[in-house]
Amino acid sequence: MALPFRQRIFLILVALTAVPTALAVVGWALAVRTVGPSAGARVGWEEVAASARDMVDRIDTTRLAPR
């Protein structure tokens, strides 16, 4: 049984919007999953922590010699 013209057009339009959207969502999810916990970000934060520790050591006033 053939569908009426309006239903065929409606199904085609739904397919033209739903399929690319679904592919985009799946692609986004896969990209986030593979890139998420990257080692590069961890290294960057370790450098920030090291520079913060260095800054705290340099401005530590408890190690100053009395006058």
C-alpha atoms as a PDB file:
ATOM      1  CA  MET A   1       0.000   0.000   0.000  1.00  0.00           C
ATOM      2  CA  ALA A   2       1.503   3.275  -1.128  1.00  0.00           C
ATOM      3  CA  LEU A   3       1.570   6.235   1.202  1.00  0.00           C
ATOM      4  CA  PRO A   4      -0.184   9.443   0.225  1.00  0.00           C
ATOM      5  CA  PHE A   5       1.990  12.211  -1.176  1.00  0.00           C
ATOM      6  CA  ARG A   6       1.927  14.334   2.002  1.00  0.00           C
ATOM      7  CA  GLN A   7       3.017  11.424   4.179  1.00  0.00           C
ATOM      8  CA  ARG A   8       5.855  10.551   1.811  1.00  0.00           C
ATOM      9  CA  ILE A   9       7.073  14.153   1.828  1.00  0.00           C
ATOM     10  CA  PHE A  10       6.784  14.260   5.624  1.00  0.00           C
ATOM     11  CA  LEU A  11       8.802  11.049   6.018  1.00  0.00           C
ATOM     12  CA  ILE A  12      11.473  12.315   3.645  1.00  0.00           C
ATOM     13  CA  LEU A  13      11.763  15.589   5.557  1.00  0.00           C
ATOM     14  CA  VAL A  14      11.961  13.753   8.883  1.00  0.00           C
ATOM     15  CA  ALA A  15      14.678  11.489   7.498  1.00  0.00           C
ATOM     16  CA  LEU A  16      16.609  14.465   6.115  1.00  0.00           C
ATOM     17  CA  THR A  17      16.641  16.096   9.553  1.00  0.00           C
ATOM     18  CA  ALA A  18      16.856  13.097  11.882  1.00  0.00           C
ATOM     19  CA  VAL A  19      19.649  11.174  10.162  1.00  0.00           C
ATOM     20  CA  PRO A  20      22.239  14.005  10.047  1.00  0.00           C
ATOM     21  CA  THR A  21      21.339  15.036  13.583  1.00  0.00           C
ATOM     22  CA  ALA A  22      21.785  11.494  14.865  1.00  0.00           C
ATOM     23  CA  LEU A  23      25.112  11.177  13.049  1.00  0.00           C
ATOM     24  CA  ALA A  24      26.290  14.490  14.492  1.00  0.00           C
ATOM     25  CA  VAL A  25      25.355  13.443  18.028  1.00  0.00           C
ATOM     26  CA  VAL A  26      27.090  10.078  17.669  1.00  0.00           C
ATOM     27  CA  GLY A  27      30.181  11.749  16.221  1.00  0.00           C
ATOM     28  CA  TRP A  28      30.251  14.301  19.024  1.00  0.00           C
ATOM     29  CA  ALA A  29      29.905  11.575  21.662  1.00  0.00           C
ATOM     30  CA  LEU A  30      32.744   9.565  20.131  1.00  0.00           C
ATOM     31  CA  ALA A  31      34.960  12.640  19.915  1.00  0.00           C
ATOM     32  CA  VAL A  32      34.344  13.552  23.543  1.00  0.00           C
ATOM     33  CA  ARG A  33      34.927   9.970  24.613  1.00  0.00           C
ATOM     34  CA  THR A  34      38.287   9.677  22.861  1.00  0.00           C
ATOM     35  CA  VAL A  35      39.591  13.163  23.652  1.00  0.00           C
ATOM     36  CA  GLY A  36      38.111  13.559  27.147  1.00  0.00           C
ATOM     37  CA  PRO A  37      40.732  12.490  29.668  1.00  0.00           C
ATOM     38  CA  SER A  38      43.812  13.419  27.679  1.00  0.00           C
ATOM     39  CA  ALA A  39      47.300  13.311  29.109  1.00  0.00           C
ATOM     40  CA  GLY A  40      48.095  16.728  27.666  1.00  0.00           C
ATOM     41  CA  ALA A  41      45.622  18.450  29.933  1.00  0.00           C
ATOM     42  CA  ARG A  42      47.044  16.661  32.962  1.00  0.00           C
ATOM     43  CA  VAL A  43      50.566  17.774  32.054  1.00  0.00           C
ATOM     44  CA  GLY A  44      49.339  21.345  31.703  1.00  0.00           C
ATOM     45  CA  TRP A  45      47.774  21.312  35.166  1.00  0.00           C
ATOM     46  CA  GLU A  46      50.942  19.784  36.641  1.00  0.00           C
ATOM     47  CA  GLU A  47      52.926  22.706  35.215  1.00  0.00           C
ATOM     48  CA  VAL A  48      50.462  25.150  36.774  1.00  0.00           C
ATOM     49  CA  ALA A  49      50.783  23.392  40.131  1.00  0.00           C
ATOM     50  CA  ALA A  50      54.579  23.433  39.922  1.00  0.00           C
ATOM     51  CA  SER A  51      54.673  27.143  39.147  1.00  0.00           C
ATOM     52  CA  ALA A  52      52.241  27.820  42.003  1.00  0.00           C
ATOM     53  CA  ARG A  53      54.467  25.887  44.415  1.00  0.00           C
ATOM     54  CA  ASP A  54      57.481  27.846  43.159  1.00  0.00           C
ATOM     55  CA  MET A  55      55.632  31.132  43.674  1.00  0.00           C
ATOM     56  CA  VAL A  56      54.631  30.170  47.221  1.00  0.00           C
ATOM     57  CA  ASP A  57      58.238  29.220  48.007  1.00  0.00           C
ATOM     58  CA  ARG A  58      59.491  32.581  46.739  1.00  0.00           C
ATOM     59  CA  ILE A  59      57.028  34.682  48.746  1.00  0.00           C
ATOM     60  CA  ASP A  60      57.240  32.617  51.939  1.00  0.00           C
ATOM     61  CA  THR A  61      57.974  35.211  54.637  1.00  0.00           C
ATOM     62  CA  THR A  62      58.625  32.690  57.403  1.00  0.00           C
ATOM     63  CA  ARG A  63      62.073  31.954  55.975  1.00  0.00           C
ATOM     64  CA  LEU A  64      63.253  35.574  55.987  1.00  0.00           C
ATOM     65  CA  ALA A  65      66.249  36.403  58.151  1.00  0.00           C
ATOM     66  CA  PRO A  66      65.526  38.820  61.029  1.00  0.00           C
ATOM     67  CA  ARG A  67      67.088  42.297  60.817  1.00  0.00           C
END
